[in-house]
Amino acid sequence: MKRLNLRRSAGIGVVLAAIGTLAVGGAVEASAAATGTVKTAGDPLNVRRAPTASATAVKTVANGASVTIDCQTVGTSVTGTYGTSTLWDYVPALGGYISDTYVYTGSDARVAPDCGTGTGSGQCAGACAGEGQYRSSDSHFLVYDTDADGYSAVVAYWLKGGAGPFYVWNSGGEGTKVDKAVTVDKGGWVFYKVCVANYTTGKPDLKSCSDGITDFAA
């Protein structure tokens, strides 16, 4: 495979540390994260709040920087240094996701566990401005409105047993963030979607919802 050959020819090894589980496409040692190296044409690489190319860039990381990948997930397709892929790497130290197509990991397959609990974030689908994160450590939803699209950003969520939907709204307009504590029993699960809608105290007409994300209260 072309992308695999490119990665091998770079001559940079993969360091496996003890933090992960099984990854799709091959076994990843239990509790194994991976170290990779950012490889661009020279420009800094955007770190995204969600694993989509249109999500807000929370910061950048320099070409040649070493990163520790906590987990990997499927997002939007990106064409980069190592071909085209929908794989994204979650890097806790950077506070977000980077496209795996710009990271030398030594493999064309997954090298870290699948992202799941504790790393949930999403962006509404299509040309919309809602982004959301669930902070597992203290059970807070963060809801961002990134553009003046005429709608409020909203997270719709359900609890274990199917209770819900409940809503966390951001009606503050472009560039605002809402940080709201929600009641989830410790160790309990929460399932949510990031959408946009016109604010209402009743049942909203949710639009452009992201795929559902499952997380838990630590």
N, C-alpha and C. Protein backbone atom coordinates (compact mmCIF):
# COMPACT_ATOMS: atom_id res chain seq x y z
N MET A 1 0.84 -1.20 0.00
CA MET A 1 0.00 0.00 0.00
C MET A 1 0.87 1.25 0.00
N LYS A 2 0.52 2.22 -0.79
CA LYS A 2 1.37 3.40 -0.96
C LYS A 2 1.59 4.12 0.36
N ARG A 3 0.51 4.30 1.13
CA ARG A 3 0.64 5.08 2.36
C ARG A 3 1.49 4.36 3.38
N LEU A 4 1.35 3.02 3.42
CA LEU A 4 2.15 2.23 4.35
C LEU A 4 3.62 2.33 3.98
N ASN A 5 3.91 2.26 2.68
CA ASN A 5 5.31 2.36 2.26
C ASN A 5 5.89 3.72 2.61
N LEU A 6 5.10 4.77 2.46
CA LEU A 6 5.58 6.10 2.83
C LEU A 6 5.93 6.16 4.31
N ARG A 7 5.08 5.55 5.12
CA ARG A 7 5.33 5.57 6.56
C ARG A 7 6.60 4.80 6.89
N ARG A 8 6.79 3.65 6.25
CA ARG A 8 7.98 2.85 6.55
C ARG A 8 9.25 3.54 6.09
N SER A 9 9.18 4.25 4.98
CA SER A 9 10.39 4.89 4.45
C SER A 9 10.82 6.09 5.28
N ALA A 10 9.92 6.57 6.13
CA ALA A 10 10.30 7.74 6.93
C ALA A 10 11.34 7.42 7.98
N GLY A 11 11.42 6.14 8.36
CA GLY A 11 12.48 5.72 9.25
C GLY A 11 12.31 6.15 10.69
N ILE A 12 11.06 6.43 11.10
CA ILE A 12 10.83 6.82 12.48
C ILE A 12 10.03 5.73 13.16
N GLY A 13 10.46 5.25 14.29
CA GLY A 13 9.80 4.13 14.97
C GLY A 13 8.57 4.54 15.73
N VAL A 14 7.82 3.53 16.13
CA VAL A 14 6.64 3.74 16.95
C VAL A 14 6.96 3.32 18.37
N VAL A 15 6.60 4.15 19.31
CA VAL A 15 6.79 3.83 20.71
C VAL A 15 5.44 3.49 21.30
N LEU A 16 5.31 2.31 21.87
CA LEU A 16 4.06 1.91 22.52
C LEU A 16 4.21 2.04 24.02
N ALA A 17 3.29 2.76 24.65
CA ALA A 17 3.27 2.88 26.10
C ALA A 17 2.08 2.12 26.62
N ALA A 18 2.01 1.95 27.94
CA ALA A 18 0.92 1.14 28.48
C ALA A 18 -0.32 1.96 28.78
N ILE A 19 -1.17 2.22 27.76
CA ILE A 19 -2.52 2.81 27.99
C ILE A 19 -3.50 2.52 26.85
N GLY A 20 -4.23 1.39 26.63
CA GLY A 20 -5.26 1.18 25.59
C GLY A 20 -5.91 -0.18 25.58
N THR A 21 -6.58 -0.60 24.53
CA THR A 21 -7.24 -1.89 24.45
C THR A 21 -7.03 -2.49 23.08
N LEU A 22 -8.09 -2.94 22.40
CA LEU A 22 -7.99 -3.49 21.05
C LEU A 22 -8.34 -2.44 20.04
N ALA A 23 -7.66 -2.43 18.92
CA ALA A 23 -8.00 -1.49 17.86
C ALA A 23 -8.50 -2.26 16.66
N VAL A 24 -9.34 -1.64 15.84
CA VAL A 24 -9.84 -2.27 14.64
C VAL A 24 -8.70 -2.47 13.67
N GLY A 25 -8.66 -3.65 13.05
CA GLY A 25 -7.64 -3.92 12.05
C GLY A 25 -6.39 -4.55 12.64
N GLY A 26 -6.40 -4.93 13.89
CA GLY A 26 -5.26 -5.59 14.50
C GLY A 26 -5.25 -5.35 15.98
N ALA A 27 -4.61 -6.24 16.71
CA ALA A 27 -4.63 -6.12 18.16
C ALA A 27 -3.67 -5.05 18.62
N VAL A 28 -4.12 -4.23 19.51
CA VAL A 28 -3.26 -3.26 20.16
C VAL A 28 -3.13 -3.70 21.60
N GLU A 29 -1.93 -3.78 22.09
CA GLU A 29 -1.66 -4.23 23.44
C GLU A 29 -2.56 -3.52 24.45
N ALA A 30 -3.05 -4.28 25.43
CA ALA A 30 -3.94 -3.71 26.44
C ALA A 30 -3.33 -2.46 27.03
N SER A 31 -4.12 -1.43 27.14
CA SER A 31 -3.68 -0.13 27.64
C SER A 31 -2.49 0.39 26.86
N ALA A 32 -2.62 0.41 25.53
CA ALA A 32 -1.50 0.87 24.70
C ALA A 32 -1.86 2.12 23.93
N ALA A 33 -1.13 3.18 24.18
CA ALA A 33 -1.22 4.37 23.33
C ALA A 33 0.00 4.36 22.42
N ALA A 34 0.05 5.27 21.50
CA ALA A 34 1.15 5.27 20.54
C ALA A 34 1.74 6.66 20.42
N THR A 35 3.01 6.70 20.05
CA THR A 35 3.68 7.97 19.77
C THR A 35 3.84 8.11 18.27
N GLY A 36 3.50 9.27 17.74
CA GLY A 36 3.68 9.55 16.33
C GLY A 36 4.40 10.86 16.13
N THR A 37 4.74 11.15 14.88
CA THR A 37 5.43 12.39 14.53
C THR A 37 4.63 13.12 13.46
N VAL A 38 4.34 14.38 13.69
CA VAL A 38 3.59 15.19 12.74
C VAL A 38 4.45 15.45 11.50
N LYS A 39 3.88 15.15 10.33
CA LYS A 39 4.59 15.33 9.08
C LYS A 39 3.71 16.11 8.11
N THR A 40 4.03 17.38 7.91
CA THR A 40 3.33 18.22 6.94
C THR A 40 4.35 18.70 5.91
N ALA A 41 3.91 19.56 5.01
CA ALA A 41 4.85 20.15 4.04
C ALA A 41 5.71 21.22 4.70
N GLY A 42 5.48 21.45 5.99
CA GLY A 42 6.26 22.46 6.72
C GLY A 42 5.39 23.35 7.58
N ASP A 43 4.13 23.49 7.20
CA ASP A 43 3.22 24.33 7.97
C ASP A 43 2.76 23.63 9.24
N PRO A 44 2.35 24.39 10.25
CA PRO A 44 1.77 23.79 11.45
C PRO A 44 0.47 23.06 11.09
N LEU A 45 0.12 22.05 11.87
CA LEU A 45 -1.09 21.26 11.65
C LEU A 45 -2.17 21.71 12.62
N ASN A 46 -3.37 21.92 12.11
CA ASN A 46 -4.49 22.31 12.97
C ASN A 46 -4.93 21.16 13.87
N VAL A 47 -5.20 21.50 15.12
CA VAL A 47 -5.77 20.56 16.09
C VAL A 47 -7.25 20.92 16.20
N ARG A 48 -8.13 19.96 15.91
CA ARG A 48 -9.56 20.24 15.84
C ARG A 48 -10.29 19.79 17.11
N ARG A 49 -11.34 20.53 17.44
CA ARG A 49 -12.14 20.19 18.62
C ARG A 49 -12.87 18.87 18.43
N ALA A 50 -13.27 18.57 17.21
CA ALA A 50 -13.95 17.32 16.87
C ALA A 50 -13.24 16.71 15.67
N PRO A 51 -13.44 15.41 15.42
CA PRO A 51 -12.71 14.74 14.33
C PRO A 51 -13.31 15.02 12.96
N THR A 52 -13.42 16.29 12.63
CA THR A 52 -13.91 16.72 11.32
C THR A 52 -13.04 17.88 10.84
N ALA A 53 -12.88 17.95 9.52
CA ALA A 53 -12.00 18.97 8.97
C ALA A 53 -12.55 20.38 9.13
N SER A 54 -13.86 20.50 9.35
CA SER A 54 -14.46 21.83 9.50
C SER A 54 -14.64 22.25 10.96
N ALA A 55 -14.32 21.37 11.90
CA ALA A 55 -14.44 21.73 13.31
C ALA A 55 -13.44 22.83 13.67
N THR A 56 -13.75 23.56 14.71
CA THR A 56 -12.89 24.66 15.14
C THR A 56 -11.48 24.18 15.47
N ALA A 57 -10.49 24.92 15.00
CA ALA A 57 -9.09 24.63 15.35
C ALA A 57 -8.80 25.24 16.71
N VAL A 58 -8.52 24.40 17.69
CA VAL A 58 -8.27 24.89 19.05
C VAL A 58 -6.83 25.35 19.23
N LYS A 59 -5.95 24.84 18.39
CA LYS A 59 -4.54 25.26 18.40
C LYS A 59 -3.87 24.62 17.20
N THR A 60 -2.55 24.80 17.08
CA THR A 60 -1.78 24.13 16.03
C THR A 60 -0.62 23.38 16.67
N VAL A 61 -0.08 22.42 15.91
CA VAL A 61 1.09 21.68 16.36
C VAL A 61 2.11 21.73 15.22
N ALA A 62 3.37 21.92 15.57
CA ALA A 62 4.42 22.14 14.59
C ALA A 62 4.76 20.88 13.81
N ASN A 63 5.15 21.07 12.56
CA ASN A 63 5.70 19.98 11.76
C ASN A 63 6.92 19.41 12.48
N GLY A 64 6.98 18.09 12.57
CA GLY A 64 8.10 17.43 13.24
C GLY A 64 7.89 17.18 14.71
N ALA A 65 6.79 17.68 15.27
CA ALA A 65 6.53 17.49 16.70
C ALA A 65 6.13 16.05 16.99
N SER A 66 6.55 15.55 18.12
CA SER A 66 6.15 14.23 18.59
C SER A 66 4.85 14.35 19.37
N VAL A 67 3.91 13.44 19.11
CA VAL A 67 2.62 13.48 19.81
C VAL A 67 2.31 12.10 20.37
N THR A 68 1.63 12.09 21.50
CA THR A 68 1.17 10.84 22.10
C THR A 68 -0.31 10.68 21.80
N ILE A 69 -0.65 9.65 21.07
CA ILE A 69 -2.02 9.39 20.62
C ILE A 69 -2.71 8.51 21.66
N ASP A 70 -3.72 9.07 22.31
CA ASP A 70 -4.44 8.32 23.33
C ASP A 70 -5.38 7.30 22.71
N CYS A 71 -6.04 7.70 21.60
CA CYS A 71 -6.99 6.81 20.93
C CYS A 71 -7.23 7.33 19.52
N GLN A 72 -7.92 6.53 18.71
CA GLN A 72 -8.20 6.92 17.33
C GLN A 72 -9.68 6.69 17.02
N THR A 73 -10.22 7.49 16.09
CA THR A 73 -11.63 7.40 15.76
C THR A 73 -11.85 7.74 14.30
N VAL A 74 -13.03 7.42 13.79
CA VAL A 74 -13.38 7.72 12.40
C VAL A 74 -14.09 9.08 12.34
N GLY A 75 -13.65 9.93 11.42
CA GLY A 75 -14.26 11.23 11.22
C GLY A 75 -14.39 11.51 9.74
N THR A 76 -14.26 12.77 9.35
CA THR A 76 -14.35 13.11 7.93
C THR A 76 -13.08 12.72 7.19
N SER A 77 -13.21 12.53 5.89
CA SER A 77 -12.07 12.13 5.06
C SER A 77 -11.13 13.31 4.83
N VAL A 78 -9.84 13.04 4.97
CA VAL A 78 -8.81 14.06 4.77
C VAL A 78 -7.70 13.47 3.90
N THR A 79 -7.19 14.26 2.98
CA THR A 79 -6.02 13.86 2.19
C THR A 79 -4.81 14.63 2.70
N GLY A 80 -3.80 13.91 3.12
CA GLY A 80 -2.62 14.54 3.70
C GLY A 80 -1.34 13.89 3.23
N THR A 81 -0.32 14.00 4.02
CA THR A 81 1.01 13.49 3.68
C THR A 81 0.99 12.01 3.37
N TYR A 82 0.19 11.24 4.11
CA TYR A 82 0.18 9.79 3.97
C TYR A 82 -1.09 9.28 3.31
N GLY A 83 -1.63 10.03 2.34
CA GLY A 83 -2.76 9.56 1.58
C GLY A 83 -4.08 10.11 2.09
N THR A 84 -5.15 9.38 1.81
CA THR A 84 -6.50 9.78 2.19
C THR A 84 -7.06 8.80 3.21
N SER A 85 -7.65 9.34 4.27
CA SER A 85 -8.16 8.48 5.33
C SER A 85 -9.23 9.22 6.13
N THR A 86 -10.09 8.44 6.79
CA THR A 86 -11.07 9.01 7.72
C THR A 86 -10.62 8.82 9.17
N LEU A 87 -9.41 8.36 9.38
CA LEU A 87 -8.90 8.11 10.73
C LEU A 87 -8.36 9.39 11.36
N TRP A 88 -8.75 9.64 12.61
CA TRP A 88 -8.29 10.81 13.37
C TRP A 88 -7.67 10.35 14.68
N ASP A 89 -6.67 11.09 15.13
CA ASP A 89 -5.95 10.77 16.37
C ASP A 89 -6.30 11.77 17.46
N TYR A 90 -6.68 11.26 18.63
CA TYR A 90 -6.96 12.13 19.77
C TYR A 90 -5.70 12.28 20.61
N VAL A 91 -5.26 13.53 20.78
CA VAL A 91 -4.02 13.83 21.51
C VAL A 91 -4.38 14.69 22.72
N PRO A 92 -4.49 14.10 23.91
CA PRO A 92 -4.91 14.85 25.10
C PRO A 92 -4.07 16.09 25.38
N ALA A 93 -2.77 16.00 25.15
CA ALA A 93 -1.90 17.13 25.45
C ALA A 93 -2.21 18.34 24.57
N LEU A 94 -2.83 18.10 23.41
CA LEU A 94 -3.19 19.19 22.51
C LEU A 94 -4.65 19.60 22.66
N GLY A 95 -5.41 18.80 23.40
CA GLY A 95 -6.81 19.14 23.65
C GLY A 95 -7.72 18.93 22.46
N GLY A 96 -7.36 18.01 21.55
CA GLY A 96 -8.21 17.78 20.41
C GLY A 96 -7.69 16.69 19.48
N TYR A 97 -8.18 16.72 18.24
CA TYR A 97 -7.91 15.68 17.25
C TYR A 97 -7.07 16.23 16.10
N ILE A 98 -6.23 15.34 15.55
CA ILE A 98 -5.48 15.66 14.34
C ILE A 98 -5.69 14.53 13.34
N SER A 99 -5.71 14.88 12.06
CA SER A 99 -5.89 13.85 11.04
C SER A 99 -4.70 12.91 11.01
N ASP A 100 -4.98 11.61 11.00
CA ASP A 100 -3.91 10.62 10.98
C ASP A 100 -3.11 10.67 9.69
N THR A 101 -3.65 11.30 8.67
CA THR A 101 -2.92 11.38 7.39
C THR A 101 -1.69 12.29 7.48
N TYR A 102 -1.56 13.02 8.56
CA TYR A 102 -0.39 13.89 8.77
C TYR A 102 0.48 13.41 9.91
N VAL A 103 0.29 12.15 10.32
CA VAL A 103 1.05 11.64 11.46
C VAL A 103 1.77 10.35 11.08
N TYR A 104 3.09 10.34 11.23
CA TYR A 104 3.87 9.13 11.00
C TYR A 104 3.76 8.25 12.23
N THR A 105 3.16 7.06 12.05
CA THR A 105 3.01 6.12 13.17
C THR A 105 3.70 4.80 12.92
N GLY A 106 4.20 4.59 11.68
CA GLY A 106 4.84 3.33 11.36
C GLY A 106 3.88 2.28 10.85
N SER A 107 2.58 2.61 10.75
CA SER A 107 1.60 1.64 10.31
C SER A 107 0.48 2.34 9.55
N ASP A 108 -0.10 1.63 8.56
CA ASP A 108 -1.24 2.14 7.84
C ASP A 108 -2.54 1.82 8.56
N ALA A 109 -2.47 0.95 9.57
CA ALA A 109 -3.64 0.56 10.35
C ALA A 109 -3.67 1.35 11.66
N ARG A 110 -4.66 1.07 12.46
CA ARG A 110 -4.76 1.74 13.76
C ARG A 110 -3.63 1.29 14.68
N VAL A 111 -3.15 2.22 15.48
CA VAL A 111 -2.05 1.92 16.39
C VAL A 111 -2.43 2.20 17.84
N ALA A 112 -3.64 2.70 18.07
CA ALA A 112 -4.10 3.02 19.43
C ALA A 112 -5.56 2.56 19.55
N PRO A 113 -6.07 2.46 20.76
CA PRO A 113 -7.45 2.00 20.96
C PRO A 113 -8.47 2.92 20.31
N ASP A 114 -9.66 2.39 20.09
CA ASP A 114 -10.76 3.18 19.57
C ASP A 114 -11.20 4.20 20.62
N CYS A 115 -11.41 5.44 20.19
CA CYS A 115 -11.89 6.45 21.13
C CYS A 115 -13.31 6.11 21.58
N GLY A 116 -13.57 6.33 22.83
CA GLY A 116 -14.89 6.07 23.36
C GLY A 116 -15.10 6.92 24.58
N THR A 117 -15.05 6.31 25.73
CA THR A 117 -15.33 7.02 26.96
C THR A 117 -14.25 8.03 27.30
N GLY A 118 -14.71 9.18 27.77
CA GLY A 118 -13.78 10.20 28.24
C GLY A 118 -13.23 11.11 27.17
N THR A 119 -13.55 10.85 25.89
CA THR A 119 -13.01 11.68 24.82
C THR A 119 -14.10 12.15 23.87
N GLY A 120 -15.36 12.06 24.29
CA GLY A 120 -16.46 12.38 23.40
C GLY A 120 -16.49 13.83 22.96
N SER A 121 -16.64 14.07 21.67
CA SER A 121 -16.89 15.40 21.13
C SER A 121 -17.47 15.24 19.75
N GLY A 122 -18.24 16.23 19.32
CA GLY A 122 -18.85 16.12 18.02
C GLY A 122 -19.17 17.48 17.43
N GLN A 123 -19.50 17.47 16.15
CA GLN A 123 -19.90 18.67 15.44
C GLN A 123 -21.15 18.34 14.65
N CYS A 124 -22.09 19.27 14.62
CA CYS A 124 -23.30 19.05 13.85
C CYS A 124 -22.94 18.80 12.39
N ALA A 125 -23.80 18.07 11.68
CA ALA A 125 -23.50 17.64 10.33
C ALA A 125 -23.80 18.72 9.31
N GLY A 126 -22.93 18.88 8.32
CA GLY A 126 -23.17 19.84 7.25
C GLY A 126 -22.66 21.23 7.60
N ALA A 127 -23.21 22.22 6.89
CA ALA A 127 -22.77 23.61 7.07
C ALA A 127 -23.51 24.23 8.25
N CYS A 128 -23.08 23.90 9.43
CA CYS A 128 -23.73 24.40 10.65
C CYS A 128 -22.66 24.72 11.69
N ALA A 129 -23.09 25.31 12.80
CA ALA A 129 -22.10 25.92 13.70
C ALA A 129 -22.10 25.35 15.11
N GLY A 130 -22.72 24.20 15.31
CA GLY A 130 -22.75 23.62 16.65
C GLY A 130 -21.63 22.63 16.89
N GLU A 131 -20.95 22.78 18.01
CA GLU A 131 -19.95 21.82 18.44
C GLU A 131 -20.19 21.52 19.92
N GLY A 132 -19.93 20.29 20.33
CA GLY A 132 -20.19 19.94 21.72
C GLY A 132 -19.19 18.93 22.24
N GLN A 133 -18.98 18.97 23.56
CA GLN A 133 -18.11 18.02 24.24
C GLN A 133 -18.76 17.61 25.56
N TYR A 134 -18.56 16.35 25.93
CA TYR A 134 -18.95 15.90 27.26
C TYR A 134 -17.68 15.71 28.07
N ARG A 135 -17.59 16.41 29.19
CA ARG A 135 -16.42 16.29 30.06
C ARG A 135 -16.72 15.23 31.11
N SER A 136 -16.11 14.08 30.92
CA SER A 136 -16.41 12.92 31.75
C SER A 136 -16.02 13.10 33.21
N SER A 137 -14.98 13.87 33.46
CA SER A 137 -14.43 13.97 34.81
C SER A 137 -15.39 14.59 35.81
N ASP A 138 -16.23 15.55 35.35
CA ASP A 138 -17.17 16.19 36.28
C ASP A 138 -18.57 16.32 35.70
N SER A 139 -18.85 15.56 34.64
CA SER A 139 -20.17 15.50 34.02
C SER A 139 -20.69 16.89 33.62
N HIS A 140 -19.95 17.53 32.74
CA HIS A 140 -20.35 18.82 32.17
C HIS A 140 -20.46 18.69 30.65
N PHE A 141 -21.45 19.36 30.08
CA PHE A 141 -21.49 19.54 28.63
C PHE A 141 -20.98 20.93 28.29
N LEU A 142 -20.11 21.00 27.27
CA LEU A 142 -19.65 22.26 26.72
C LEU A 142 -20.24 22.36 25.32
N VAL A 143 -20.99 23.43 25.08
CA VAL A 143 -21.67 23.60 23.79
C VAL A 143 -21.18 24.91 23.16
N TYR A 144 -20.65 24.81 21.96
CA TYR A 144 -20.05 25.95 21.26
C TYR A 144 -20.91 26.35 20.08
N ASP A 145 -21.02 27.66 19.83
CA ASP A 145 -21.62 28.19 18.61
C ASP A 145 -20.52 28.92 17.86
N THR A 146 -20.16 28.41 16.69
CA THR A 146 -18.97 28.91 16.01
C THR A 146 -19.27 29.86 14.85
N ASP A 147 -20.56 30.06 14.53
CA ASP A 147 -20.86 30.91 13.38
C ASP A 147 -22.29 31.44 13.50
N ALA A 148 -22.55 32.57 12.86
CA ALA A 148 -23.89 33.16 12.87
C ALA A 148 -24.74 32.54 11.78
N ASP A 149 -25.26 31.33 12.04
CA ASP A 149 -26.04 30.62 11.03
C ASP A 149 -27.54 30.73 11.26
N GLY A 150 -27.96 31.52 12.24
CA GLY A 150 -29.38 31.72 12.48
C GLY A 150 -30.01 30.71 13.42
N TYR A 151 -29.21 29.74 13.90
CA TYR A 151 -29.71 28.74 14.82
C TYR A 151 -28.90 28.74 16.10
N SER A 152 -29.50 28.20 17.16
CA SER A 152 -28.76 27.95 18.39
C SER A 152 -28.11 26.58 18.31
N ALA A 153 -26.95 26.45 18.92
CA ALA A 153 -26.32 25.13 19.05
C ALA A 153 -26.97 24.42 20.23
N VAL A 154 -27.16 23.11 20.11
CA VAL A 154 -27.82 22.37 21.17
C VAL A 154 -27.29 20.94 21.22
N VAL A 155 -27.11 20.44 22.43
CA VAL A 155 -26.82 19.03 22.64
C VAL A 155 -28.08 18.37 23.16
N ALA A 156 -28.50 17.31 22.50
CA ALA A 156 -29.61 16.48 22.98
C ALA A 156 -29.00 15.21 23.57
N TYR A 157 -29.40 14.87 24.81
CA TYR A 157 -28.78 13.70 25.42
C TYR A 157 -29.81 12.82 26.13
N TRP A 158 -29.44 11.56 26.24
CA TRP A 158 -30.26 10.53 26.87
C TRP A 158 -29.43 9.81 27.92
N LEU A 159 -30.07 9.35 28.97
CA LEU A 159 -29.37 8.65 30.05
C LEU A 159 -29.66 7.15 29.99
N LYS A 160 -28.93 6.41 30.80
CA LYS A 160 -29.11 4.96 30.89
C LYS A 160 -30.58 4.63 31.13
N GLY A 161 -31.09 3.66 30.39
CA GLY A 161 -32.49 3.31 30.53
C GLY A 161 -33.38 4.04 29.55
N GLY A 162 -32.80 4.97 28.77
CA GLY A 162 -33.56 5.68 27.74
C GLY A 162 -34.20 6.97 28.18
N ALA A 163 -33.94 7.44 29.43
CA ALA A 163 -34.52 8.71 29.88
C ALA A 163 -34.01 9.85 29.01
N GLY A 164 -34.92 10.72 28.59
CA GLY A 164 -34.56 11.84 27.73
C GLY A 164 -35.48 11.89 26.52
N PRO A 165 -35.23 12.77 25.56
CA PRO A 165 -34.02 13.60 25.52
C PRO A 165 -34.09 14.80 26.45
N PHE A 166 -32.90 15.18 26.95
CA PHE A 166 -32.69 16.42 27.67
C PHE A 166 -31.83 17.31 26.77
N TYR A 167 -31.82 18.62 27.05
CA TYR A 167 -31.14 19.54 26.15
C TYR A 167 -30.21 20.49 26.90
N VAL A 168 -29.08 20.77 26.28
CA VAL A 168 -28.18 21.84 26.74
C VAL A 168 -28.05 22.81 25.57
N TRP A 169 -28.53 24.03 25.78
CA TRP A 169 -28.59 25.04 24.72
C TRP A 169 -27.45 26.04 24.80
N ASN A 170 -27.01 26.48 23.65
CA ASN A 170 -26.17 27.67 23.54
C ASN A 170 -26.87 28.61 22.57
N SER A 171 -27.51 29.64 23.12
CA SER A 171 -28.20 30.63 22.30
C SER A 171 -27.49 31.97 22.32
N GLY A 172 -26.20 31.94 22.69
CA GLY A 172 -25.45 33.18 22.85
C GLY A 172 -24.91 33.78 21.58
N GLY A 173 -24.96 33.02 20.49
CA GLY A 173 -24.48 33.56 19.22
C GLY A 173 -23.05 33.17 18.90
N GLU A 174 -22.58 33.67 17.79
CA GLU A 174 -21.27 33.32 17.25
C GLU A 174 -20.14 33.54 18.25
N GLY A 175 -19.28 32.52 18.40
CA GLY A 175 -18.10 32.63 19.23
C GLY A 175 -18.33 32.40 20.71
N THR A 176 -19.52 31.93 21.10
CA THR A 176 -19.82 31.74 22.52
C THR A 176 -19.73 30.27 22.92
N LYS A 177 -19.66 30.06 24.23
CA LYS A 177 -19.58 28.71 24.79
C LYS A 177 -20.47 28.64 26.03
N VAL A 178 -21.18 27.53 26.18
CA VAL A 178 -21.95 27.25 27.39
C VAL A 178 -21.32 26.05 28.08
N ASP A 179 -21.10 26.14 29.37
CA ASP A 179 -20.52 25.06 30.17
C ASP A 179 -21.55 24.73 31.25
N LYS A 180 -22.21 23.57 31.13
CA LYS A 180 -23.30 23.24 32.03
C LYS A 180 -23.13 21.86 32.65
N ALA A 181 -23.26 21.81 33.98
CA ALA A 181 -23.23 20.54 34.68
C ALA A 181 -24.54 19.80 34.45
N VAL A 182 -24.46 18.50 34.22
CA VAL A 182 -25.65 17.68 34.06
C VAL A 182 -25.56 16.51 35.03
N THR A 183 -26.72 16.04 35.46
CA THR A 183 -26.75 14.97 36.46
C THR A 183 -26.68 13.60 35.80
N VAL A 184 -25.54 12.97 35.97
CA VAL A 184 -25.34 11.60 35.51
C VAL A 184 -24.68 10.85 36.65
N ASP A 185 -25.28 9.75 37.07
CA ASP A 185 -24.71 8.97 38.17
C ASP A 185 -23.28 8.56 37.85
N LYS A 186 -22.44 8.56 38.86
CA LYS A 186 -21.04 8.16 38.66
C LYS A 186 -20.98 6.78 38.02
N GLY A 187 -20.26 6.68 36.94
CA GLY A 187 -20.18 5.43 36.20
C GLY A 187 -21.33 5.23 35.24
N GLY A 188 -22.29 6.15 35.25
CA GLY A 188 -23.45 6.04 34.39
C GLY A 188 -23.16 6.49 32.97
N TRP A 189 -23.95 5.99 32.05
CA TRP A 189 -23.74 6.29 30.64
C TRP A 189 -24.60 7.44 30.16
N VAL A 190 -24.11 8.17 29.18
CA VAL A 190 -24.85 9.24 28.54
C VAL A 190 -24.64 9.11 27.03
N PHE A 191 -25.73 9.26 26.29
CA PHE A 191 -25.69 9.19 24.83
C PHE A 191 -26.14 10.54 24.31
N TYR A 192 -25.39 11.15 23.39
CA TYR A 192 -25.76 12.49 22.95
C TYR A 192 -25.46 12.75 21.48
N LYS A 193 -26.14 13.78 20.97
CA LYS A 193 -25.93 14.26 19.61
C LYS A 193 -25.76 15.78 19.65
N VAL A 194 -24.97 16.31 18.76
CA VAL A 194 -24.77 17.75 18.63
C VAL A 194 -25.58 18.22 17.42
N CYS A 195 -26.46 19.20 17.65
CA CYS A 195 -27.38 19.64 16.60
C CYS A 195 -27.46 21.17 16.60
N VAL A 196 -28.31 21.70 15.73
CA VAL A 196 -28.72 23.10 15.78
C VAL A 196 -30.24 23.13 15.74
N ALA A 197 -30.82 24.21 16.28
CA ALA A 197 -32.28 24.34 16.30
C ALA A 197 -32.64 25.74 16.73
N ASN A 198 -33.89 26.12 16.51
CA ASN A 198 -34.41 27.35 17.10
C ASN A 198 -34.73 27.08 18.56
N TYR A 199 -34.27 27.96 19.44
CA TYR A 199 -34.47 27.74 20.87
C TYR A 199 -35.95 27.68 21.22
N THR A 200 -36.30 26.72 22.06
CA THR A 200 -37.66 26.58 22.55
C THR A 200 -37.64 25.86 23.88
N THR A 201 -38.63 26.14 24.72
CA THR A 201 -38.74 25.42 25.99
C THR A 201 -39.48 24.10 25.81
N GLY A 202 -40.04 23.89 24.61
CA GLY A 202 -40.70 22.63 24.30
C GLY A 202 -39.75 21.70 23.57
N LYS A 203 -40.33 20.81 22.80
CA LYS A 203 -39.52 19.86 22.03
C LYS A 203 -39.01 20.55 20.78
N PRO A 204 -37.70 20.68 20.61
CA PRO A 204 -37.18 21.41 19.45
C PRO A 204 -37.18 20.57 18.18
N ASP A 205 -37.17 21.25 17.06
CA ASP A 205 -36.99 20.61 15.76
C ASP A 205 -35.49 20.58 15.48
N LEU A 206 -34.86 19.48 15.85
CA LEU A 206 -33.41 19.37 15.74
C LEU A 206 -32.99 19.22 14.28
N LYS A 207 -31.94 19.93 13.92
CA LYS A 207 -31.45 19.90 12.54
C LYS A 207 -29.96 19.57 12.53
N SER A 208 -29.54 18.93 11.44
CA SER A 208 -28.11 18.69 11.17
C SER A 208 -27.40 18.00 12.33
N CYS A 209 -28.03 17.01 12.95
CA CYS A 209 -27.44 16.34 14.11
C CYS A 209 -26.23 15.50 13.73
N SER A 210 -25.26 15.47 14.61
CA SER A 210 -24.10 14.60 14.45
C SER A 210 -24.53 13.15 14.69
N ASP A 211 -23.64 12.22 14.41
CA ASP A 211 -23.86 10.86 14.83
C ASP A 211 -23.89 10.81 16.35
N GLY A 212 -24.54 9.81 16.89
CA GLY A 212 -24.61 9.70 18.34
C GLY A 212 -23.28 9.31 18.97
N ILE A 213 -23.01 9.86 20.14
CA ILE A 213 -21.77 9.58 20.88
C ILE A 213 -22.14 9.05 22.25
N THR A 214 -21.53 7.98 22.66
CA THR A 214 -21.77 7.41 23.99
C THR A 214 -20.57 7.68 24.89
N ASP A 215 -20.82 8.17 26.08
CA ASP A 215 -19.75 8.45 27.04
C ASP A 215 -20.24 8.10 28.44
N PHE A 216 -19.45 8.37 29.45
CA PHE A 216 -19.85 8.02 30.80
C PHE A 216 -19.31 9.04 31.80
N ALA A 217 -19.94 9.07 32.97
CA ALA A 217 -19.48 9.94 34.03
C ALA A 217 -18.43 9.21 34.86
N ALA A 218 -17.24 9.74 34.90
CA ALA A 218 -16.14 9.06 35.59
C ALA A 218 -16.33 9.05 37.10
